[in-house]
Structure formats: C-alpha cells, structure tokens
C-alpha cells in the first residue's frame, strides 16, 4: 500500500499539504502549476492515481520558483 504523502515515482515526500492532517486546510503547491500530461503518462499504470508526485518528478520546480512558492 502506498502512502499519500510519498511520491509514487521516487518514494520521497511529495510535500502535499492535503496529505498531512496538520496542513490539509491549506492549498497544495500542485494547484499553482501545470503538470505535463506526458509526465503522468510516463508513470507505470500501477503507480498512477496513488498519490501526488513530488515537484521534482512532476518537473515543475521552475514553475514553483517563478510563482514564489516554496515546498520544503
């Protein structure tokens, strides 16, 4: 079983605010970016729709930096 706070691609923290009960009321970083559908399609079928990707695997770090959004 996969944990909702871990990236299904690399296993690192996905920094998802919705997966953490302490921050679930905050908007997640993923709402501020556009993830290329090809990135999602490249995931093996058994890893899709389990949890959010981390910013690195989603290839959106530059978008987050440009928006002034910090995920730690």
N, C-alpha and C. Protein backbone atom coordinates (compact mmCIF):
# COMPACT_ATOMS: atom_id res chain seq x y z
N UNK A 1 0.85 -1.19 0.00
CA UNK A 1 0.00 0.00 0.00
C UNK A 1 0.89 1.25 0.00
N UNK A 2 0.53 2.18 -0.83
CA UNK A 2 1.33 3.39 -0.96
C UNK A 2 0.81 4.48 -0.03
N UNK A 3 1.72 5.25 0.56
CA UNK A 3 1.33 6.33 1.46
C UNK A 3 1.01 7.58 0.65
N UNK A 4 -0.04 8.33 1.01
CA UNK A 4 -0.43 9.50 0.25
C UNK A 4 0.55 10.66 0.32
N UNK A 5 1.47 10.64 1.30
CA UNK A 5 2.43 11.73 1.42
C UNK A 5 3.75 11.44 0.72
N UNK A 6 3.83 10.31 0.02
CA UNK A 6 5.05 9.95 -0.70
C UNK A 6 4.82 9.92 -2.20
N UNK A 7 5.79 10.40 -2.93
CA UNK A 7 5.74 10.40 -4.39
C UNK A 7 5.75 8.95 -4.89
N UNK A 8 4.79 8.57 -5.72
CA UNK A 8 4.77 7.19 -6.20
C UNK A 8 5.92 6.86 -7.16
N UNK A 9 6.55 7.89 -7.71
CA UNK A 9 7.64 7.66 -8.66
C UNK A 9 8.98 7.44 -7.97
N UNK A 10 9.29 8.26 -6.94
CA UNK A 10 10.62 8.17 -6.32
C UNK A 10 10.59 7.78 -4.84
N UNK A 11 9.42 7.85 -4.21
CA UNK A 11 9.30 7.48 -2.81
C UNK A 11 9.63 8.58 -1.82
N UNK A 12 10.04 9.76 -2.31
CA UNK A 12 10.34 10.89 -1.43
C UNK A 12 9.06 11.60 -1.03
N UNK A 13 9.16 12.50 -0.08
CA UNK A 13 7.99 13.30 0.30
C UNK A 13 7.49 14.07 -0.91
N UNK A 14 6.18 14.10 -1.09
CA UNK A 14 5.62 14.86 -2.20
C UNK A 14 5.21 16.27 -1.77
N UNK A 15 5.42 16.61 -0.52
CA UNK A 15 5.10 17.93 0.03
C UNK A 15 3.64 18.30 -0.18
N UNK A 16 2.78 17.31 -0.22
CA UNK A 16 1.35 17.54 -0.43
C UNK A 16 0.72 18.03 0.86
N UNK A 17 0.19 19.24 0.85
CA UNK A 17 -0.44 19.76 2.06
C UNK A 17 -1.72 19.01 2.38
N UNK A 18 -2.38 18.46 1.38
CA UNK A 18 -3.63 17.75 1.61
C UNK A 18 -3.42 16.38 2.24
N UNK A 19 -2.23 15.82 2.09
CA UNK A 19 -1.94 14.50 2.66
C UNK A 19 -1.55 14.57 4.13
N UNK A 20 -1.31 15.78 4.63
CA UNK A 20 -0.91 15.97 6.02
C UNK A 20 -2.07 16.59 6.79
N UNK A 21 -2.61 15.91 7.76
CA UNK A 21 -3.76 16.46 8.51
C UNK A 21 -3.48 17.82 9.13
N UNK A 22 -2.22 18.11 9.44
CA UNK A 22 -1.88 19.41 10.05
C UNK A 22 -1.98 20.56 9.07
N UNK A 23 -1.88 20.27 7.77
CA UNK A 23 -1.91 21.34 6.75
C UNK A 23 -3.00 21.12 5.70
N UNK A 24 -3.88 20.17 5.94
CA UNK A 24 -4.91 19.81 4.95
C UNK A 24 -5.83 20.97 4.58
N UNK A 25 -5.92 21.98 5.41
CA UNK A 25 -6.78 23.12 5.10
C UNK A 25 -6.09 24.13 4.18
N UNK A 26 -4.81 23.93 3.89
CA UNK A 26 -4.06 24.83 3.01
C UNK A 26 -4.08 24.33 1.57
N UNK A 27 -3.99 25.26 0.67
CA UNK A 27 -3.93 24.92 -0.75
C UNK A 27 -2.59 24.27 -1.05
N UNK A 28 -2.60 23.20 -1.82
CA UNK A 28 -1.38 22.47 -2.14
C UNK A 28 -0.60 23.17 -3.26
N UNK A 29 0.70 22.94 -3.28
CA UNK A 29 1.56 23.52 -4.32
C UNK A 29 1.11 23.13 -5.71
N UNK A 30 0.52 21.94 -5.85
CA UNK A 30 0.15 21.47 -7.18
C UNK A 30 -0.95 22.30 -7.82
N UNK A 31 -1.67 23.09 -7.02
CA UNK A 31 -2.72 23.94 -7.58
C UNK A 31 -2.14 25.14 -8.31
N UNK A 32 -0.83 25.39 -8.16
CA UNK A 32 -0.21 26.57 -8.77
C UNK A 32 0.61 26.24 -10.00
N UNK A 33 0.61 24.99 -10.43
CA UNK A 33 1.45 24.58 -11.56
C UNK A 33 0.64 23.80 -12.59
N UNK A 34 1.26 23.61 -13.74
CA UNK A 34 0.70 22.77 -14.78
C UNK A 34 1.65 21.60 -14.99
N UNK A 35 1.16 20.41 -14.76
CA UNK A 35 1.98 19.21 -14.95
C UNK A 35 1.73 18.69 -16.36
N UNK A 36 2.80 18.50 -17.08
CA UNK A 36 2.73 18.00 -18.45
C UNK A 36 2.05 16.62 -18.44
N UNK A 37 1.01 16.44 -19.21
CA UNK A 37 0.34 15.13 -19.25
C UNK A 37 1.29 14.00 -19.63
N UNK A 38 2.34 14.30 -20.39
CA UNK A 38 3.31 13.27 -20.77
C UNK A 38 4.06 12.74 -19.55
N UNK A 39 4.27 13.59 -18.55
CA UNK A 39 4.94 13.16 -17.31
C UNK A 39 4.06 12.13 -16.61
N UNK A 40 2.78 12.41 -16.53
CA UNK A 40 1.86 11.47 -15.88
C UNK A 40 1.72 10.19 -16.70
N UNK A 41 1.67 10.33 -18.01
CA UNK A 41 1.53 9.15 -18.87
C UNK A 41 2.77 8.26 -18.81
N UNK A 42 3.91 8.83 -18.47
CA UNK A 42 5.16 8.06 -18.39
C UNK A 42 5.22 7.17 -17.15
N UNK A 43 4.38 7.46 -16.17
CA UNK A 43 4.35 6.62 -14.96
C UNK A 43 3.79 5.25 -15.32
N UNK A 44 4.35 4.20 -14.76
CA UNK A 44 3.75 2.88 -14.96
C UNK A 44 2.30 2.90 -14.46
N UNK A 45 1.43 2.21 -15.13
CA UNK A 45 0.00 2.21 -14.80
C UNK A 45 -0.26 1.89 -13.32
N UNK A 46 0.53 0.99 -12.75
CA UNK A 46 0.30 0.59 -11.36
C UNK A 46 0.68 1.68 -10.35
N UNK A 47 1.35 2.75 -10.80
CA UNK A 47 1.73 3.85 -9.91
C UNK A 47 0.83 5.08 -10.06
N UNK A 48 -0.03 5.09 -11.07
CA UNK A 48 -0.90 6.25 -11.32
C UNK A 48 -2.03 6.31 -10.31
N UNK A 49 -2.39 7.53 -9.98
CA UNK A 49 -3.55 7.82 -9.11
C UNK A 49 -3.42 7.27 -7.69
N UNK A 50 -2.19 7.05 -7.23
CA UNK A 50 -1.97 6.60 -5.86
C UNK A 50 -1.73 7.77 -4.92
N UNK A 51 -0.96 8.74 -5.41
CA UNK A 51 -0.59 9.90 -4.61
C UNK A 51 -0.02 10.95 -5.54
N UNK A 52 0.17 12.15 -5.03
CA UNK A 52 0.76 13.23 -5.81
C UNK A 52 2.24 12.94 -6.07
N UNK A 53 2.71 13.37 -7.22
CA UNK A 53 4.14 13.34 -7.49
C UNK A 53 4.82 14.42 -6.67
N UNK A 54 6.10 14.29 -6.43
CA UNK A 54 6.87 15.36 -5.80
C UNK A 54 7.15 16.41 -6.88
N UNK A 55 7.52 17.64 -6.51
CA UNK A 55 7.80 18.66 -7.52
C UNK A 55 8.89 18.25 -8.51
N UNK A 56 9.89 17.50 -8.04
CA UNK A 56 10.97 17.07 -8.95
C UNK A 56 10.48 16.10 -10.00
N UNK A 57 9.75 15.09 -9.58
CA UNK A 57 9.23 14.11 -10.53
C UNK A 57 8.15 14.71 -11.43
N UNK A 58 7.42 15.69 -10.91
CA UNK A 58 6.40 16.37 -11.71
C UNK A 58 7.03 17.36 -12.69
N UNK A 59 8.33 17.62 -12.51
CA UNK A 59 9.09 18.54 -13.36
C UNK A 59 8.49 19.95 -13.35
N UNK A 60 8.18 20.45 -12.15
CA UNK A 60 7.55 21.76 -12.02
C UNK A 60 8.33 22.72 -11.11
N UNK A 61 9.55 22.38 -10.76
CA UNK A 61 10.30 23.22 -9.83
C UNK A 61 10.46 24.64 -10.32
N UNK A 62 10.71 24.83 -11.61
CA UNK A 62 10.88 26.18 -12.16
C UNK A 62 9.57 26.97 -12.05
N UNK A 63 8.44 26.32 -12.27
CA UNK A 63 7.14 27.00 -12.15
C UNK A 63 6.91 27.44 -10.71
N UNK A 64 7.25 26.57 -9.76
CA UNK A 64 7.07 26.92 -8.36
C UNK A 64 7.96 28.07 -7.95
N UNK A 65 9.19 28.05 -8.42
CA UNK A 65 10.12 29.14 -8.10
C UNK A 65 9.63 30.45 -8.70
N UNK A 66 9.16 30.42 -9.94
CA UNK A 66 8.66 31.62 -10.59
C UNK A 66 7.44 32.20 -9.87
N UNK A 67 6.64 31.30 -9.29
CA UNK A 67 5.44 31.73 -8.56
C UNK A 67 5.76 32.13 -7.12
N UNK A 68 7.01 31.95 -6.70
CA UNK A 68 7.39 32.29 -5.33
C UNK A 68 6.86 31.29 -4.31
N UNK A 69 6.55 30.09 -4.76
CA UNK A 69 6.00 29.05 -3.88
C UNK A 69 7.15 28.18 -3.40
N UNK A 70 7.21 27.96 -2.12
CA UNK A 70 8.27 27.15 -1.54
C UNK A 70 7.70 25.84 -0.99
N UNK A 71 8.29 24.73 -1.42
CA UNK A 71 7.92 23.43 -0.84
C UNK A 71 9.18 22.86 -0.21
N UNK A 72 9.06 22.55 1.05
CA UNK A 72 10.23 22.03 1.76
C UNK A 72 9.90 20.71 2.40
